[in-house]
Amino acid sequence: MAKKHDSLGARLNRGEVAYDFIGNRKLWYGLSILITITAIVALAVRGLNMGIEFQGGAVFTTPKSEVSVSQAQEAAEEASGHEALVQKLGSGALRIQVGGLDTAQSDQVRAELAKDLNIAENKIAAELVGPSWGEQIANKAWTGLGIFMFLVVIYLAIAFEWRMAVAALIALIHDLTITVGIYSLVGFEVTVGTVIGLLTILGYSLYDTVVVFDSLKEGTKDITKQTRYTYSDLANRSINGTLIRSINTTVVALLPVAGLLFIGGGVLGAGMLNDISLSLFVGLAAGAYSSIFIATPLVADLKEREPAIKALRKRVLAKRAAAAAKGEPLDGPDADDSAEGFEDEDRTAVVGQRGRRGRPSENHG
């Protein structure tokens, strides 16, 4: 019997309380489809706010001054005739980005900025950036992404099974689409730091998914040798059993990223750190969501189509219906281990699947 003051995590791990993630999977699918469609529409209509590394232009860096960001932006746009992006750096200096400038135009704009901001022209550093460099970075990123996803699918198919590999791949695409869609909707600038962040979140996104898959693989060994649980029942138990761990690891990962984003970027004005941490923050949150609400329910859907698992489900439901008709204790996820009619082979299989978890979860599959 559970202790009165046991934590929620301990009770989830033993299966004494549970949320029916699998039973409500259509709700999560619908929500994810809606968010994904919104992201795709935003990308098609608004596009991405590409940084100067991808469109080319000039970057001007001033020394520490009392000039405000708005004053510098107004001066830069007036001098260049183009939209300008101004960042306050931690040292008090200003970083001014202006797209679409060549060498001659860059020199002219620097002279105008020196005059308008009352800063010596030789104190303003100017750097030209060509769009070809950003294009090379993007192409290498796409190549790296393709190789990464291929290797992930191969590894998961070998370590687990192809259904889990497919589900994990869909979850990865889901996370990337949502992250890029948020960038488009909010108008965040896409820089090289953003690309680095997007590639980094792929590993984080997979971490929680693999943890749940490992629990599910262990819990469904010899599943067809018993008639008490369906595959969906055990998939739901795996999510609930690792839920607190997933939440804890995600929060621990988000805290330093939030520090980089809101303190490093917002207070200190760290440009590259801001770009990386922003994509990491959005991607980590999306990855935690997909590992719980998308990846494992997808595996359950795919497995339930297997003839052996489909036949098992029919036997389990028939057994529960017969027990209910006779008014006997429910021989299913809500039954006690000592319930009458619990066959020896069922007991052996389920005990092996449960380990020390005690009573099963309150999920009817």
Protein backbone atom coordinates (compact mmCIF):
# COMPACT_ATOMS: atom_id res chain seq x y z
CA MET A 1 0.00 0.00 0.00
CA ALA A 2 1.25 3.46 -0.83
CA LYS A 3 2.35 5.78 1.94
CA LYS A 4 0.11 8.74 2.49
CA HIS A 5 2.82 11.29 1.84
CA ASP A 6 4.40 9.63 -1.20
CA SER A 7 5.35 12.06 -3.96
CA LEU A 8 3.41 12.27 -7.19
CA GLY A 9 6.47 10.95 -9.04
CA ALA A 10 6.60 7.82 -6.88
CA ARG A 11 2.88 7.20 -7.31
CA LEU A 12 3.16 7.67 -11.09
CA ASN A 13 6.10 5.28 -11.22
CA ARG A 14 4.17 2.60 -9.32
CA GLY A 15 1.14 3.11 -11.55
CA GLU A 16 -1.17 4.20 -8.72
CA VAL A 17 -2.18 7.37 -10.55
CA ALA A 18 -2.02 8.01 -14.27
CA TYR A 19 -3.20 10.28 -17.03
CA ASP A 20 -4.58 8.67 -20.17
CA PHE A 21 -2.17 10.14 -22.73
CA ILE A 22 -2.86 7.39 -25.26
CA GLY A 23 -6.63 7.55 -24.88
CA ASN A 24 -6.56 11.30 -25.58
CA ARG A 25 -4.06 11.06 -28.43
CA LYS A 26 -6.52 12.44 -31.02
CA LEU A 27 -6.64 15.68 -29.04
CA TRP A 28 -2.84 15.96 -29.08
CA TYR A 29 -2.67 15.03 -32.76
CA GLY A 30 -5.25 17.69 -33.59
CA LEU A 31 -3.41 20.33 -31.56
CA SER A 32 -0.08 19.49 -33.20
CA ILE A 33 -1.59 19.49 -36.68
CA LEU A 34 -3.13 22.91 -36.00
CA ILE A 35 0.16 24.35 -34.74
CA THR A 36 2.10 22.80 -37.64
CA ILE A 37 -0.33 24.16 -40.24
CA THR A 38 -0.10 27.60 -38.63
CA ALA A 39 3.70 27.41 -38.78
CA ILE A 40 3.69 26.35 -42.45
CA VAL A 41 1.24 29.12 -43.40
CA ALA A 42 3.37 31.66 -41.53
CA LEU A 43 6.44 30.50 -43.42
CA ALA A 44 4.63 30.70 -46.75
CA VAL A 45 3.10 34.13 -46.12
CA ARG A 46 5.61 35.95 -43.91
CA GLY A 47 8.77 34.00 -44.62
CA LEU A 48 11.79 34.28 -42.34
CA ASN A 49 13.57 37.41 -41.24
CA MET A 50 16.98 36.40 -42.54
CA GLY A 51 19.98 37.99 -40.88
CA ILE A 52 22.70 39.88 -42.62
CA GLU A 53 24.80 36.71 -42.90
CA PHE A 54 22.26 35.34 -45.39
CA GLN A 55 21.32 38.48 -47.33
CA GLY A 56 24.61 40.38 -47.29
CA GLY A 57 25.35 43.91 -46.12
CA ALA A 58 27.47 45.77 -43.60
CA VAL A 59 27.97 45.59 -39.86
CA PHE A 60 29.08 48.72 -37.98
CA THR A 61 30.35 48.56 -34.42
CA THR A 62 30.65 51.77 -32.40
CA PRO A 63 32.65 52.29 -29.22
CA LYS A 64 30.89 52.78 -25.89
CA SER A 65 28.64 55.81 -26.08
CA GLU A 66 25.49 57.39 -24.64
CA VAL A 67 23.65 57.03 -27.95
CA SER A 68 20.38 55.09 -27.59
CA VAL A 69 19.36 52.16 -29.78
CA SER A 70 16.49 54.14 -31.31
CA GLN A 71 18.75 57.09 -32.16
CA ALA A 72 21.31 54.82 -33.82
CA GLN A 73 18.63 52.97 -35.77
CA GLU A 74 17.10 56.20 -37.04
CA ALA A 75 20.50 57.54 -38.08
CA ALA A 76 21.49 54.31 -39.85
CA GLU A 77 18.23 54.04 -41.79
CA GLU A 78 18.39 57.68 -42.83
CA ALA A 79 22.01 57.34 -43.96
CA SER A 80 21.56 54.06 -45.87
CA GLY A 81 17.94 54.11 -47.04
CA HIS A 82 17.63 50.52 -45.79
CA GLU A 83 16.16 48.94 -42.71
CA ALA A 84 18.68 48.71 -39.87
CA LEU A 85 18.98 46.40 -36.89
CA VAL A 86 20.71 47.81 -33.80
CA GLN A 87 21.84 45.86 -30.74
CA LYS A 88 23.24 47.25 -27.50
CA LEU A 89 26.28 45.19 -26.52
CA GLY A 90 27.28 44.41 -22.95
CA SER A 91 30.19 46.88 -23.09
CA GLY A 92 27.85 49.74 -24.00
CA ALA A 93 28.87 49.64 -27.65
CA LEU A 94 26.35 49.43 -30.50
CA ARG A 95 26.18 46.84 -33.28
CA ILE A 96 24.41 48.22 -36.34
CA GLN A 97 23.46 45.91 -39.21
CA VAL A 98 22.35 47.26 -42.57
CA GLY A 99 21.56 44.94 -45.47
CA GLY A 100 22.18 45.46 -49.19
CA LEU A 101 25.30 47.65 -49.01
CA ASP A 102 28.47 47.41 -51.09
CA THR A 103 31.92 48.76 -50.19
CA ALA A 104 31.35 52.30 -51.45
CA GLN A 105 27.96 52.57 -49.79
CA SER A 106 29.40 51.17 -46.56
CA ASP A 107 32.06 53.90 -46.41
CA GLN A 108 29.43 56.57 -47.04
CA VAL A 109 27.11 55.22 -44.34
CA ARG A 110 29.97 55.03 -41.82
CA ALA A 111 30.81 58.66 -42.46
CA GLU A 112 27.16 59.69 -42.00
CA LEU A 113 26.89 57.64 -38.79
CA ALA A 114 30.03 59.25 -37.36
CA LYS A 115 28.55 62.67 -38.04
CA ASP A 116 25.04 61.94 -36.74
CA LEU A 117 26.15 60.01 -33.64
CA ASN A 118 29.02 62.43 -32.87
CA ILE A 119 31.63 59.65 -32.93
CA ALA A 120 35.00 59.78 -34.66
CA GLU A 121 34.77 57.94 -37.99
CA ASN A 122 37.93 55.92 -37.34
CA LYS A 123 36.36 54.64 -34.10
CA ILE A 124 33.51 52.95 -35.99
CA ALA A 125 34.48 49.51 -37.25
CA ALA A 126 32.85 48.43 -40.53
CA GLU A 127 32.65 44.88 -41.86
CA LEU A 128 31.11 43.73 -45.13
CA VAL A 129 29.31 40.41 -45.20
CA GLY A 130 28.55 38.61 -48.47
CA PRO A 131 25.39 36.49 -48.85
CA SER A 132 27.41 33.58 -50.24
CA TRP A 133 28.90 32.89 -46.80
CA GLY A 134 25.48 32.50 -45.22
CA GLU A 135 24.36 30.35 -48.12
CA GLN A 136 27.30 28.00 -47.57
CA ILE A 137 26.43 27.73 -43.87
CA ALA A 138 22.79 26.95 -44.71
CA ASN A 139 23.75 24.28 -47.25
CA LYS A 140 26.10 22.61 -44.76
CA ALA A 141 23.36 22.75 -42.13
CA TRP A 142 20.88 21.02 -44.46
CA THR A 143 23.47 18.36 -45.25
CA GLY A 144 24.19 17.82 -41.56
CA LEU A 145 20.47 17.64 -40.78
CA GLY A 146 19.90 15.01 -43.46
CA ILE A 147 22.80 12.86 -42.27
CA PHE A 148 21.69 13.20 -38.64
CA MET A 149 18.12 12.11 -39.33
CA PHE A 150 19.27 9.17 -41.45
CA LEU A 151 21.58 7.95 -38.68
CA VAL A 152 18.87 8.44 -36.05
CA VAL A 153 16.38 6.35 -38.00
CA ILE A 154 18.94 3.56 -38.53
CA TYR A 155 19.99 3.53 -34.87
CA LEU A 156 16.45 3.54 -33.46
CA ALA A 157 15.36 0.85 -35.91
CA ILE A 158 18.21 -1.37 -34.71
CA ALA A 159 18.05 -0.53 -30.99
CA PHE A 160 14.25 -0.60 -30.80
CA GLU A 161 12.18 -1.16 -33.95
CA TRP A 162 11.24 0.64 -37.15
CA ARG A 163 7.92 1.92 -35.74
CA MET A 164 9.75 3.78 -33.00
CA ALA A 165 12.22 5.13 -35.55
CA VAL A 166 9.36 6.48 -37.68
CA ALA A 167 7.64 8.02 -34.65
CA ALA A 168 10.87 9.68 -33.48
CA LEU A 169 11.51 11.09 -36.98
CA ILE A 170 7.99 12.56 -37.14
CA ALA A 171 8.50 14.08 -33.68
CA LEU A 172 11.79 15.67 -34.82
CA ILE A 173 10.21 17.18 -37.91
CA HIS A 174 7.33 18.38 -35.71
CA ASP A 175 9.76 20.16 -33.34
CA LEU A 176 11.77 21.81 -36.11
CA THR A 177 8.63 22.99 -37.92
CA ILE A 178 7.18 24.55 -34.78
CA THR A 179 10.46 26.26 -33.89
CA VAL A 180 10.94 27.73 -37.37
CA GLY A 181 7.24 28.68 -37.50
CA ILE A 182 7.54 30.65 -34.26
CA TYR A 183 10.53 32.49 -35.73
CA SER A 184 8.39 33.42 -38.71
CA LEU A 185 5.32 34.45 -36.68
CA VAL A 186 7.22 36.61 -34.20
CA GLY A 187 9.72 37.94 -36.72
CA PHE A 188 12.87 36.81 -34.90
CA GLU A 189 15.99 37.27 -36.99
CA VAL A 190 17.55 34.09 -38.37
CA THR A 191 21.31 34.17 -37.94
CA VAL A 192 24.13 31.62 -37.94
CA GLY A 193 23.51 31.30 -34.19
CA THR A 194 19.92 30.31 -34.94
CA VAL A 195 21.10 27.55 -37.26
CA ILE A 196 23.49 26.26 -34.57
CA GLY A 197 20.65 26.29 -32.05
CA LEU A 198 18.29 24.42 -34.37
CA LEU A 199 20.84 21.69 -34.94
CA THR A 200 21.51 21.46 -31.20
CA ILE A 201 17.88 20.93 -30.20
CA LEU A 202 17.70 17.74 -32.26
CA GLY A 203 19.65 15.84 -29.62
CA TYR A 204 17.61 17.30 -26.77
CA SER A 205 14.40 16.49 -28.59
CA LEU A 206 15.40 12.84 -28.91
CA TYR A 207 16.52 12.42 -25.31
CA ASP A 208 13.10 12.22 -23.62
CA THR A 209 11.68 10.22 -26.52
CA VAL A 210 14.36 7.54 -26.20
CA VAL A 211 13.82 7.36 -22.41
CA VAL A 212 10.13 6.60 -22.91
CA PHE A 213 10.87 4.16 -25.75
CA ASP A 214 13.33 2.25 -23.57
CA SER A 215 10.74 1.94 -20.81
CA LEU A 216 8.15 0.82 -23.36
CA LYS A 217 10.46 -1.78 -24.88
CA GLU A 218 11.20 -3.25 -21.46
CA GLY A 219 7.55 -3.20 -20.42
CA THR A 220 6.21 -4.96 -23.51
CA LYS A 221 8.50 -8.00 -23.51
CA ASP A 222 6.40 -11.14 -24.05
CA ILE A 223 3.27 -8.99 -24.13
CA THR A 224 1.30 -11.57 -26.14
CA LYS A 225 1.76 -14.18 -23.39
CA GLN A 226 -0.73 -12.42 -21.12
CA THR A 227 -4.32 -11.24 -21.54
CA ARG A 228 -4.52 -8.42 -19.07
CA TYR A 229 -2.99 -5.43 -20.83
CA THR A 230 -3.16 -4.09 -24.36
CA TYR A 231 -0.12 -2.50 -25.95
CA SER A 232 -1.72 0.93 -25.49
CA ASP A 233 -2.16 0.24 -21.77
CA LEU A 234 1.54 -0.43 -21.36
CA ALA A 235 2.50 2.50 -23.60
CA ASN A 236 0.47 4.76 -21.34
CA ARG A 237 2.20 3.28 -18.27
CA SER A 238 5.60 4.00 -19.83
CA ILE A 239 4.74 7.67 -20.37
CA ASN A 240 3.38 8.07 -16.84
CA GLY A 241 6.30 6.17 -15.32
CA THR A 242 8.86 8.51 -16.92
CA LEU A 243 6.74 11.68 -16.79
CA ILE A 244 8.34 13.28 -13.73
CA ARG A 245 11.81 12.43 -15.04
CA SER A 246 10.99 14.05 -18.39
CA ILE A 247 9.63 17.18 -16.70
CA ASN A 248 12.64 17.45 -14.38
CA THR A 249 15.24 17.04 -17.15
CA THR A 250 13.42 19.54 -19.36
CA VAL A 251 13.18 22.16 -16.60
CA VAL A 252 16.85 21.67 -15.69
CA ALA A 253 17.81 22.09 -19.36
CA LEU A 254 15.56 25.15 -19.83
CA LEU A 255 16.86 27.06 -16.79
CA PRO A 256 20.41 27.74 -18.08
CA VAL A 257 19.05 28.39 -21.57
CA ALA A 258 16.59 30.89 -20.10
CA GLY A 259 19.52 32.49 -18.27
CA LEU A 260 21.38 32.89 -21.55
CA LEU A 261 18.29 34.23 -23.28
CA PHE A 262 16.92 36.69 -20.74
CA ILE A 263 20.11 37.69 -18.90
CA GLY A 264 22.85 37.15 -21.48
CA GLY A 265 20.74 38.42 -24.37
CA GLY A 266 18.32 40.83 -22.75
CA VAL A 267 20.56 42.44 -20.14
CA LEU A 268 24.08 42.03 -21.48
CA GLY A 269 23.14 42.27 -25.15
CA ALA A 270 25.08 39.17 -26.19
CA GLY A 271 24.03 38.86 -29.82
CA MET A 272 25.20 35.35 -30.77
CA LEU A 273 24.25 33.90 -27.37
CA ASN A 274 20.82 35.43 -27.76
CA ASP A 275 20.31 33.84 -31.17
CA ILE A 276 21.43 30.38 -30.02
CA SER A 277 19.50 30.42 -26.73
CA LEU A 278 16.28 31.60 -28.38
CA SER A 279 16.12 28.64 -30.75
CA LEU A 280 17.19 26.30 -27.94
CA PHE A 281 14.45 27.55 -25.62
CA VAL A 282 11.67 27.11 -28.17
CA GLY A 283 13.04 23.79 -29.42
CA LEU A 284 13.47 22.27 -25.94
CA ALA A 285 9.89 23.08 -25.01
CA ALA A 286 8.59 21.61 -28.29
CA GLY A 287 10.76 18.50 -27.84
CA ALA A 288 9.43 17.83 -24.34
CA TYR A 289 5.88 18.12 -25.66
CA SER A 290 6.43 15.82 -28.65
CA SER A 291 8.15 13.06 -26.64
CA ILE A 292 5.08 12.72 -24.40
CA PHE A 293 2.15 13.65 -26.60
CA ILE A 294 3.27 12.66 -30.11
CA ALA A 295 6.05 10.06 -30.35
CA THR A 296 4.76 7.35 -27.98
CA PRO A 297 1.08 7.62 -29.02
CA LEU A 298 2.25 7.23 -32.63
CA VAL A 299 4.14 4.06 -31.71
CA ALA A 300 1.01 2.70 -29.99
CA ASP A 301 -1.09 3.43 -33.08
CA LEU A 302 1.39 1.68 -35.35
CA LYS A 303 1.79 -1.35 -33.06
CA GLU A 304 -1.96 -1.80 -32.61
CA ARG A 305 -2.16 -2.52 -36.35
CA GLU A 306 0.04 -5.60 -36.04
CA PRO A 307 -2.02 -8.81 -36.31
CA ALA A 308 -0.59 -10.27 -33.07
CA ILE A 309 -1.16 -7.06 -31.09
CA LYS A 310 -4.59 -6.61 -32.65
CA ALA A 311 -5.52 -10.17 -31.62
CA LEU A 312 -4.19 -9.51 -28.12
CA ARG A 313 -6.38 -6.44 -27.82
CA LYS A 314 -9.46 -8.47 -28.75
CA ARG A 315 -8.62 -11.10 -26.12
CA VAL A 316 -8.02 -8.48 -23.44
CA LEU A 317 -11.25 -6.61 -24.17
CA ALA A 318 -13.22 -9.86 -24.34
CA LYS A 319 -11.83 -10.95 -20.98
CA ARG A 320 -12.70 -7.61 -19.40
CA ALA A 321 -16.20 -7.71 -20.86
CA ALA A 322 -16.76 -11.23 -19.53
CA ALA A 323 -15.55 -10.24 -16.07
CA ALA A 324 -17.79 -7.18 -16.08
CA ALA A 325 -20.84 -9.24 -17.16
CA LYS A 326 -20.30 -11.65 -14.27
CA GLY A 327 -19.80 -8.82 -11.82
CA GLU A 328 -16.31 -10.06 -11.05
CA PRO A 329 -13.41 -7.73 -10.20
CA LEU A 330 -12.20 -5.99 -13.31
CA ASP A 331 -9.34 -7.98 -14.84
CA GLY A 332 -7.72 -5.03 -16.50
CA PRO A 333 -5.63 -1.95 -15.72
CA ASP A 334 -7.78 -1.11 -12.68
CA ALA A 335 -7.68 -4.58 -11.14
CA ASP A 336 -5.72 -5.49 -8.04
CA ASP A 337 -2.95 -8.06 -8.43
CA SER A 338 -4.89 -10.43 -6.20
CA ALA A 339 -8.07 -10.26 -8.27
CA GLU A 340 -9.78 -13.60 -8.71
CA GLY A 341 -9.45 -15.04 -12.19
CA PHE A 342 -6.00 -13.56 -12.76
CA GLU A 343 -4.25 -16.41 -14.54
CA ASP A 344 -0.77 -17.54 -13.54
CA GLU A 345 0.73 -16.76 -16.94
CA ASP A 346 -0.80 -13.29 -16.81
CA ARG A 347 0.59 -12.70 -13.33
CA THR A 348 4.10 -13.79 -14.33
CA ALA A 349 4.15 -11.63 -17.46
CA VAL A 350 2.78 -8.53 -15.79
CA VAL A 351 5.03 -8.78 -12.74
CA GLY A 352 7.96 -8.95 -15.15
CA GLN A 353 6.70 -5.84 -16.91
CA ARG A 354 5.93 -3.90 -13.77
CA GLY A 355 9.00 -4.58 -11.72
CA ARG A 356 8.39 -2.89 -8.38
CA ARG A 357 5.67 -0.55 -9.52
CA GLY A 358 2.90 -2.24 -7.53
CA ARG A 359 -0.57 -1.67 -8.90
CA PRO A 360 -1.06 -0.89 -12.57
CA SER A 361 -2.24 2.46 -13.82
CA GLU A 362 -5.82 3.52 -14.18
CA ASN A 363 -5.92 3.38 -17.95
CA HIS A 364 -8.35 1.33 -20.00
CA GLY A 365 -6.42 1.67 -23.25
